[in-house]
C-alpha atoms as a PDB file:
ATOM      1  CA  MET A   1     -14.842  -3.254  21.094  1.00  0.00           C
ATOM      2  CA  PRO A   2     -15.171  -0.236  23.590  1.00  0.00           C
ATOM      3  CA  ASP A   3     -11.977   1.556  24.491  1.00  0.00           C
ATOM      4  CA  ALA A   4     -11.074   3.213  27.681  1.00  0.00           C
ATOM      5  CA  LYS A   5     -12.672   6.671  26.595  1.00  0.00           C
ATOM      6  CA  THR A   6     -15.890   4.860  26.009  1.00  0.00           C
ATOM      7  CA  ASP A   7     -15.666   3.012  29.265  1.00  0.00           C
ATOM      8  CA  PHE A   8     -15.069   6.321  31.237  1.00  0.00           C
ATOM      9  CA  THR A   9     -17.436   8.533  29.263  1.00  0.00           C
ATOM     10  CA  LYS A  10     -20.459   6.020  28.764  1.00  0.00           C
ATOM     11  CA  ASN A  11     -20.240   2.458  30.432  1.00  0.00           C
ATOM     12  CA  LEU A  12     -18.932   3.343  33.922  1.00  0.00           C
ATOM     13  CA  PRO A  13     -21.026   6.422  34.386  1.00  0.00           C
ATOM     14  CA  GLU A  14     -24.264   4.391  33.334  1.00  0.00           C
ATOM     15  CA  LYS A  15     -23.268   1.564  35.784  1.00  0.00           C
ATOM     16  CA  ILE A  16     -22.739   4.060  38.570  1.00  0.00           C
ATOM     17  CA  SER A  17     -25.853   6.090  37.950  1.00  0.00           C
ATOM     18  CA  GLY A  18     -27.707   2.720  38.007  1.00  0.00           C
ATOM     19  CA  ASP A  19     -26.604   1.828  41.373  1.00  0.00           C
ATOM     20  CA  PRO A  20     -25.134   5.016  43.207  1.00  0.00           C
ATOM     21  CA  ASP A  21     -25.533   3.310  46.560  1.00  0.00           C
ATOM     22  CA  GLY A  22     -23.359   0.435  45.526  1.00  0.00           C
ATOM     23  CA  ALA A  23     -20.625   2.866  44.178  1.00  0.00           C
ATOM     24  CA  LYS A  24     -20.983   4.604  47.616  1.00  0.00           C
ATOM     25  CA  GLU A  25     -20.297   1.484  49.434  1.00  0.00           C
ATOM     26  CA  ILE A  26     -16.894   1.476  47.930  1.00  0.00           C
ATOM     27  CA  GLY A  27     -16.299   4.779  49.504  1.00  0.00           C
ATOM     28  CA  ALA A  28     -13.171   5.880  47.573  1.00  0.00           C
ATOM     29  CA  VAL A  29     -12.043   8.307  44.831  1.00  0.00           C
ATOM     30  CA  PHE A  30      -9.926   6.572  42.171  1.00  0.00           C
ATOM     31  CA  MET A  31      -7.706   8.247  39.427  1.00  0.00           C
ATOM     32  CA  PHE A  32      -6.976   6.396  36.195  1.00  0.00           C
ATOM     33  CA  LYS A  33      -4.176   7.461  34.044  1.00  0.00           C
ATOM     34  CA  ILE A  34      -4.381   5.574  30.885  1.00  0.00           C
ATOM     35  CA  THR A  35      -1.625   5.850  28.228  1.00  0.00           C
ATOM     36  CA  GLY A  36      -1.755   5.027  24.626  1.00  0.00           C
ATOM     37  CA  ASP A  37      -4.634   4.999  22.008  1.00  0.00           C
ATOM     38  CA  GLY A  38      -7.945   6.110  23.388  1.00  0.00           C
ATOM     39  CA  GLY A  39      -6.321   6.696  26.883  1.00  0.00           C
ATOM     40  CA  GLY A  40      -6.646   9.684  29.089  1.00  0.00           C
ATOM     41  CA  THR A  41      -7.136  10.675  32.715  1.00  0.00           C
ATOM     42  CA  TRP A  42     -10.281  10.272  34.738  1.00  0.00           C
ATOM     43  CA  THR A  43     -11.458  10.530  38.210  1.00  0.00           C
ATOM     44  CA  VAL A  44     -14.097   7.943  39.533  1.00  0.00           C
ATOM     45  CA  ASN A  45     -15.658   9.273  42.689  1.00  0.00           C
ATOM     46  CA  CYS A  46     -17.416   6.571  44.706  1.00  0.00           C
ATOM     47  CA  ARG A  47     -17.411   8.684  47.842  1.00  0.00           C
ATOM     48  CA  ASP A  48     -19.319  12.078  47.860  1.00  0.00           C
ATOM     49  CA  GLU A  49     -19.656  13.425  44.331  1.00  0.00           C
ATOM     50  CA  VAL A  50     -20.499  10.035  42.976  1.00  0.00           C
ATOM     51  CA  GLY A  51     -19.674   9.737  39.281  1.00  0.00           C
ATOM     52  CA  VAL A  52     -16.962   9.842  36.657  1.00  0.00           C
ATOM     53  CA  HIS A  53     -15.093  13.136  35.731  1.00  0.00           C
ATOM     54  CA  GLU A  54     -12.577  13.669  32.857  1.00  0.00           C
ATOM     55  CA  GLY A  55      -9.209  14.862  34.218  1.00  0.00           C
ATOM     56  CA  GLU A  56      -8.027  15.042  37.752  1.00  0.00           C
ATOM     57  CA  HIS A  57     -10.839  16.232  40.123  1.00  0.00           C
ATOM     58  CA  GLY A  58      -9.783  16.431  43.849  1.00  0.00           C
ATOM     59  CA  GLU A  59      -7.436  14.155  45.666  1.00  0.00           C
ATOM     60  CA  ALA A  60      -7.643  10.506  44.791  1.00  0.00           C
ATOM     61  CA  ASP A  61      -7.426   7.755  47.462  1.00  0.00           C
ATOM     62  CA  CYS A  62      -5.800   5.539  44.905  1.00  0.00           C
ATOM     63  CA  THR A  63      -4.309   6.149  41.496  1.00  0.00           C
ATOM     64  CA  LEU A  64      -3.951   3.396  38.895  1.00  0.00           C
ATOM     65  CA  GLU A  65      -1.679   3.892  35.730  1.00  0.00           C
ATOM     66  CA  LEU A  66      -1.624   1.453  32.898  1.00  0.00           C
ATOM     67  CA  SER A  67      -1.806   1.408  29.083  1.00  0.00           C
ATOM     68  CA  ALA A  68      -5.059   1.484  27.139  1.00  0.00           C
ATOM     69  CA  GLU A  69      -4.281  -2.135  26.021  1.00  0.00           C
ATOM     70  CA  ASP A  70      -4.050  -3.359  29.442  1.00  0.00           C
ATOM     71  CA  TRP A  71      -7.145  -1.447  30.475  1.00  0.00           C
ATOM     72  CA  GLN A  72      -8.982  -3.443  27.773  1.00  0.00           C
ATOM     73  CA  SER A  73      -7.831  -6.740  29.411  1.00  0.00           C
ATOM     74  CA  ILE A  74      -9.092  -5.561  32.858  1.00  0.00           C
ATOM     75  CA  SER A  75     -12.455  -4.269  31.168  1.00  0.00           C
ATOM     76  CA  ASP A  76     -13.012  -7.614  29.709  1.00  0.00           C
ATOM     77  CA  ASN A  77     -11.907  -9.490  32.778  1.00  0.00           C
ATOM     78  CA  PRO A  78     -11.594  -7.718  35.920  1.00  0.00           C
ATOM     79  CA  SER A  79      -9.612 -10.571  37.609  1.00  0.00           C
ATOM     80  CA  MET A  80      -6.732  -9.712  35.204  1.00  0.00           C
ATOM     81  CA  ALA A  81      -5.832  -6.755  37.333  1.00  0.00           C
ATOM     82  CA  MET A  82      -3.932  -8.663  39.941  1.00  0.00           C
ATOM     83  CA  GLN A  83      -1.818 -10.307  37.191  1.00  0.00           C
ATOM     84  CA  LEU A  84      -1.113  -7.023  35.443  1.00  0.00           C
ATOM     85  CA  TYR A  85      -0.091  -5.618  38.844  1.00  0.00           C
ATOM     86  CA  PHE A  86       2.305  -8.445  39.508  1.00  0.00           C
ATOM     87  CA  GLN A  87       3.674  -8.051  35.895  1.00  0.00           C
ATOM     88  CA  GLY A  88       4.385  -4.403  36.619  1.00  0.00           C
ATOM     89  CA  LYS A  89       2.152  -3.303  33.938  1.00  0.00           C
ATOM     90  CA  LEU A  90      -0.499  -1.713  36.402  1.00  0.00           C
ATOM     91  CA  LYS A  91       0.991   0.792  38.696  1.00  0.00           C
ATOM     92  CA  VAL A  92      -1.082   1.458  41.932  1.00  0.00           C
ATOM     93  CA  SER A  93      -0.220   4.469  44.224  1.00  0.00           C
ATOM     94  CA  GLY A  94      -1.999   5.580  47.317  1.00  0.00           C
ATOM     95  CA  ASP A  95      -4.327   3.085  49.248  1.00  0.00           C
ATOM     96  CA  ALA A  96      -3.730   0.059  47.209  1.00  0.00           C
ATOM     97  CA  MET A  97      -6.338  -1.979  49.357  1.00  0.00           C
ATOM     98  CA  LYS A  98      -9.099   0.309  47.979  1.00  0.00           C
ATOM     99  CA  ALA A  99      -8.100  -0.799  44.436  1.00  0.00           C
ATOM    100  CA  THR A 100      -9.159  -4.239  45.457  1.00  0.00           C
ATOM    101  CA  LYS A 101     -12.889  -2.892  45.819  1.00  0.00           C
ATOM    102  CA  LEU A 102     -12.824  -1.849  42.161  1.00  0.00           C
ATOM    103  CA  GLN A 103     -13.750  -5.353  41.031  1.00  0.00           C
ATOM    104  CA  GLN A 104     -17.318  -4.816  42.354  1.00  0.00           C
ATOM    105  CA  LEU A 105     -17.622  -1.737  40.233  1.00  0.00           C
ATOM    106  CA  LEU A 106     -15.980  -3.175  37.141  1.00  0.00           C
ATOM    107  CA  GLY A 107     -17.343  -6.709  37.367  1.00  0.00           C
END
């Protein structure tokens, strides 16, 4: 089962490079701060320098903070994000409306 690190270093970059125009339609920069085993910080740029970068790169429109375990839940089933948000397990700062567009990238 892939972990967050695999998702951000392999799976998401492959998905974005396969459809860079689809990523640009999202038009936002996201920062993911994932805690726990296999976690880390990644910047997912769906605006200008389209791609995934390890660490903090530039200013994010939206930052998402969650555990590696909860990331796995979202990775397996993107619709879980809303449930985790309401349970307080997914913290979103910045433009939360942009976070709703992530489903088209993750789904």
